[in-house]
Amino acid sequence: MPRAVIVGGSAAQLLCLVVWCVLYGQWPSLAMSVVLGLGSALVQLGLAMVRPGTLGFGDVTCTLMMGFAVGWFGLTAVLLWWMLMGLIGLIMLGLCKGRGGDSIPFAPAIVLAAVIVVLLSLF
């Protein structure tokens, strides 16, 4: 994903969360969202640095943006998100290997897992 999209999306998302907090006073949720989003991105950055080339910086920044959304729902949601990211990533890798490939773009797994967890958290 282009960095401008990620930066713009992250800024718009944080602005929406701040507006929500101003209207409804859910400041602890905003703090949790920011801490868990940044923490998730830092973990992803660490994983990218352990083995360069396996995860790109786009995956790290995508994790930041999705982490803000998932982090709003708390630590349990973030842990579920990470498990789903891994599961979806493994499924995607298995499908890709079946066609002769050995790498996948990971951003779709990050986004799909986030959407699933946010939808589950709403109900």
C-alpha atoms as a PDB file:
ATOM      1  CA  MET A   1       0.000   0.000   0.000  1.00  0.00           C
ATOM      2  CA  PRO A   2       1.304   3.475  -0.732  1.00  0.00           C
ATOM      3  CA  ARG A   3       2.557   5.232   2.391  1.00  0.00           C
ATOM      4  CA  ALA A   4       0.426   8.311   1.657  1.00  0.00           C
ATOM      5  CA  VAL A   5      -2.703   6.121   1.870  1.00  0.00           C
ATOM      6  CA  ILE A   6      -1.557   4.631   5.165  1.00  0.00           C
ATOM      7  CA  VAL A   7      -0.591   7.998   6.686  1.00  0.00           C
ATOM      8  CA  GLY A   8      -3.829   9.604   5.502  1.00  0.00           C
ATOM      9  CA  GLY A   9      -5.901   6.638   6.644  1.00  0.00           C
ATOM     10  CA  SER A  10      -4.232   6.557  10.055  1.00  0.00           C
ATOM     11  CA  ALA A  11      -4.699  10.309  10.540  1.00  0.00           C
ATOM     12  CA  ALA A  12      -8.354  10.167   9.452  1.00  0.00           C
ATOM     13  CA  GLN A  13      -8.978   7.205  11.703  1.00  0.00           C
ATOM     14  CA  LEU A  14      -7.422   8.909  14.724  1.00  0.00           C
ATOM     15  CA  LEU A  15      -9.408  12.077  13.995  1.00  0.00           C
ATOM     16  CA  CYS A  16     -12.646  10.057  13.911  1.00  0.00           C
ATOM     17  CA  LEU A  17     -11.736   8.348  17.189  1.00  0.00           C
ATOM     18  CA  VAL A  18     -10.971  11.702  18.841  1.00  0.00           C
ATOM     19  CA  VAL A  19     -14.292  13.134  17.642  1.00  0.00           C
ATOM     20  CA  TRP A  20     -16.076  10.066  19.022  1.00  0.00           C
ATOM     21  CA  CYS A  21     -14.316  10.551  22.357  1.00  0.00           C
ATOM     22  CA  VAL A  22     -15.253  14.242  22.474  1.00  0.00           C
ATOM     23  CA  LEU A  23     -18.893  13.329  21.843  1.00  0.00           C
ATOM     24  CA  TYR A  24     -19.137  10.258  24.077  1.00  0.00           C
ATOM     25  CA  GLY A  25     -16.226  10.548  26.530  1.00  0.00           C
ATOM     26  CA  GLN A  26     -14.546   7.222  25.785  1.00  0.00           C
ATOM     27  CA  TRP A  27     -10.999   8.510  26.298  1.00  0.00           C
ATOM     28  CA  PRO A  28      -9.658   5.238  27.764  1.00  0.00           C
ATOM     29  CA  SER A  29     -10.642   3.476  24.517  1.00  0.00           C
ATOM     30  CA  LEU A  30      -8.682   6.045  22.505  1.00  0.00           C
ATOM     31  CA  ALA A  31      -5.610   5.568  24.688  1.00  0.00           C
ATOM     32  CA  MET A  32      -5.909   1.808  24.385  1.00  0.00           C
ATOM     33  CA  SER A  33      -6.336   2.068  20.603  1.00  0.00           C
ATOM     34  CA  VAL A  34      -3.210   4.192  20.208  1.00  0.00           C
ATOM     35  CA  VAL A  35      -1.075   2.083  22.564  1.00  0.00           C
ATOM     36  CA  LEU A  36      -2.150  -1.242  21.040  1.00  0.00           C
ATOM     37  CA  GLY A  37      -1.883   0.083  17.469  1.00  0.00           C
ATOM     38  CA  LEU A  38       1.623   1.426  18.036  1.00  0.00           C
ATOM     39  CA  GLY A  39       2.594  -1.710  19.947  1.00  0.00           C
ATOM     40  CA  SER A  40       1.393  -3.948  17.130  1.00  0.00           C
ATOM     41  CA  ALA A  41       3.319  -1.914  14.564  1.00  0.00           C
ATOM     42  CA  LEU A  42       6.462  -2.101  16.706  1.00  0.00           C
ATOM     43  CA  VAL A  43       6.129  -5.880  16.989  1.00  0.00           C
ATOM     44  CA  GLN A  44       5.701  -6.109  13.209  1.00  0.00           C
ATOM     45  CA  LEU A  45       8.738  -3.831  12.742  1.00  0.00           C
ATOM     46  CA  GLY A  46      10.747  -6.087  15.028  1.00  0.00           C
ATOM     47  CA  LEU A  47       9.703  -9.136  13.028  1.00  0.00           C
ATOM     48  CA  ALA A  48      10.659  -7.359   9.798  1.00  0.00           C
ATOM     49  CA  MET A  49      14.087  -6.506  11.192  1.00  0.00           C
ATOM     50  CA  VAL A  50      14.802 -10.032  12.483  1.00  0.00           C
ATOM     51  CA  ARG A  51      14.680 -11.412   8.970  1.00  0.00           C
ATOM     52  CA  PRO A  52      14.879  -8.601   6.410  1.00  0.00           C
ATOM     53  CA  GLY A  53      12.883  -9.194   3.260  1.00  0.00           C
ATOM     54  CA  THR A  54      10.183 -11.311   4.871  1.00  0.00           C
ATOM     55  CA  LEU A  55       7.973  -8.378   5.883  1.00  0.00           C
ATOM     56  CA  GLY A  56       8.089  -5.006   4.201  1.00  0.00           C
ATOM     57  CA  PHE A  57       7.625  -1.569   5.717  1.00  0.00           C
ATOM     58  CA  GLY A  58       4.210  -1.450   4.053  1.00  0.00           C
ATOM     59  CA  ASP A  59       3.159  -4.371   6.248  1.00  0.00           C
ATOM     60  CA  VAL A  60       4.372  -2.472   9.322  1.00  0.00           C
ATOM     61  CA  THR A  61       2.457   0.691   8.431  1.00  0.00           C
ATOM     62  CA  CYS A  62      -0.637  -1.312   7.460  1.00  0.00           C
ATOM     63  CA  THR A  63      -0.457  -2.962  10.884  1.00  0.00           C
ATOM     64  CA  LEU A  64      -0.389   0.493  12.480  1.00  0.00           C
ATOM     65  CA  MET A  65      -3.556   1.613  10.707  1.00  0.00           C
ATOM     66  CA  MET A  66      -5.450  -1.620  11.359  1.00  0.00           C
ATOM     67  CA  GLY A  67      -4.083  -1.723  14.910  1.00  0.00           C
ATOM     68  CA  PHE A  68      -5.803   1.567  15.716  1.00  0.00           C
ATOM     69  CA  ALA A  69      -9.136   0.073  14.674  1.00  0.00           C
ATOM     70  CA  VAL A  70      -8.703  -3.290  16.384  1.00  0.00           C
ATOM     71  CA  GLY A  71      -7.050  -1.742  19.445  1.00  0.00           C
ATOM     72  CA  TRP A  72     -10.231   0.219  20.174  1.00  0.00           C
ATOM     73  CA  PHE A  73     -11.816  -3.096  21.197  1.00  0.00           C
ATOM     74  CA  GLY A  74      -9.050  -4.068  23.625  1.00  0.00           C
ATOM     75  CA  LEU A  75      -6.227  -6.504  24.163  1.00  0.00           C
ATOM     76  CA  THR A  76      -8.323  -9.629  23.588  1.00  0.00           C
ATOM     77  CA  ALA A  77      -9.365  -8.318  20.166  1.00  0.00           C
ATOM     78  CA  VAL A  78      -5.740  -7.563  19.286  1.00  0.00           C
ATOM     79  CA  LEU A  79      -4.608 -11.041  20.330  1.00  0.00           C
ATOM     80  CA  LEU A  80      -7.375 -12.607  18.239  1.00  0.00           C
ATOM     81  CA  TRP A  81      -6.363 -10.357  15.337  1.00  0.00           C
ATOM     82  CA  TRP A  82      -2.750 -11.554  15.532  1.00  0.00           C
ATOM     83  CA  MET A  83      -3.852 -15.196  15.591  1.00  0.00           C
ATOM     84  CA  LEU A  84      -6.127 -14.661  12.592  1.00  0.00           C
ATOM     85  CA  MET A  85      -3.371 -12.786  10.717  1.00  0.00           C
ATOM     86  CA  GLY A  86      -1.115 -15.791  11.152  1.00  0.00           C
ATOM     87  CA  LEU A  87      -3.806 -18.282  10.161  1.00  0.00           C
ATOM     88  CA  ILE A  88      -4.871 -16.313   7.079  1.00  0.00           C
ATOM     89  CA  GLY A  89      -1.223 -15.779   6.148  1.00  0.00           C
ATOM     90  CA  LEU A  90      -0.532 -19.515   6.380  1.00  0.00           C
ATOM     91  CA  ILE A  91      -3.577 -20.302   4.250  1.00  0.00           C
ATOM     92  CA  MET A  92      -2.489 -17.727   1.661  1.00  0.00           C
ATOM     93  CA  LEU A  93       1.051 -19.119   1.665  1.00  0.00           C
ATOM     94  CA  GLY A  94      -0.267 -22.662   1.243  1.00  0.00           C
ATOM     95  CA  LEU A  95      -2.374 -21.594  -1.715  1.00  0.00           C
ATOM     96  CA  CYS A  96       0.571 -19.736  -3.221  1.00  0.00           C
ATOM     97  CA  LYS A  97       2.953 -22.672  -2.760  1.00  0.00           C
ATOM     98  CA  GLY A  98       0.412 -24.899  -4.462  1.00  0.00           C
ATOM     99  CA  ARG A  99       0.862 -22.685  -7.508  1.00  0.00           C
ATOM    100  CA  GLY A 100       4.656 -22.650  -7.303  1.00  0.00           C
ATOM    101  CA  GLY A 101       5.180 -19.414  -5.331  1.00  0.00           C
ATOM    102  CA  ASP A 102       7.081 -18.957  -2.112  1.00  0.00           C
ATOM    103  CA  SER A 103       6.041 -15.493  -0.939  1.00  0.00           C
ATOM    104  CA  ILE A 104       2.829 -13.550  -0.473  1.00  0.00           C
ATOM    105  CA  PRO A 105       1.812  -9.966   0.114  1.00  0.00           C
ATOM    106  CA  PHE A 106       0.876  -9.908   3.803  1.00  0.00           C
ATOM    107  CA  ALA A 107      -1.243  -6.725   3.863  1.00  0.00           C
ATOM    108  CA  PRO A 108      -4.399  -8.571   2.696  1.00  0.00           C
ATOM    109  CA  ALA A 109      -4.075 -10.948   5.676  1.00  0.00           C
ATOM    110  CA  ILE A 110      -3.601  -7.989   8.033  1.00  0.00           C
ATOM    111  CA  VAL A 111      -6.677  -6.195   6.694  1.00  0.00           C
ATOM    112  CA  LEU A 112      -8.933  -9.263   6.420  1.00  0.00           C
ATOM    113  CA  ALA A 113      -8.106 -10.371   9.965  1.00  0.00           C
ATOM    114  CA  ALA A 114      -8.788  -6.843  11.253  1.00  0.00           C
ATOM    115  CA  VAL A 115     -12.149  -6.649   9.494  1.00  0.00           C
ATOM    116  CA  ILE A 116     -13.194 -10.024  10.905  1.00  0.00           C
ATOM    117  CA  VAL A 117     -12.189  -9.103  14.469  1.00  0.00           C
ATOM    118  CA  VAL A 118     -13.842  -5.670  14.345  1.00  0.00           C
ATOM    119  CA  LEU A 119     -17.079  -7.197  13.021  1.00  0.00           C
ATOM    120  CA  LEU A 120     -16.984  -9.908  15.707  1.00  0.00           C
ATOM    121  CA  SER A 121     -16.340  -7.244  18.359  1.00  0.00           C
ATOM    122  CA  LEU A 122     -19.379  -5.248  17.293  1.00  0.00           C
ATOM    123  CA  PHE A 123     -21.772  -8.133  17.919  1.00  0.00           C
END
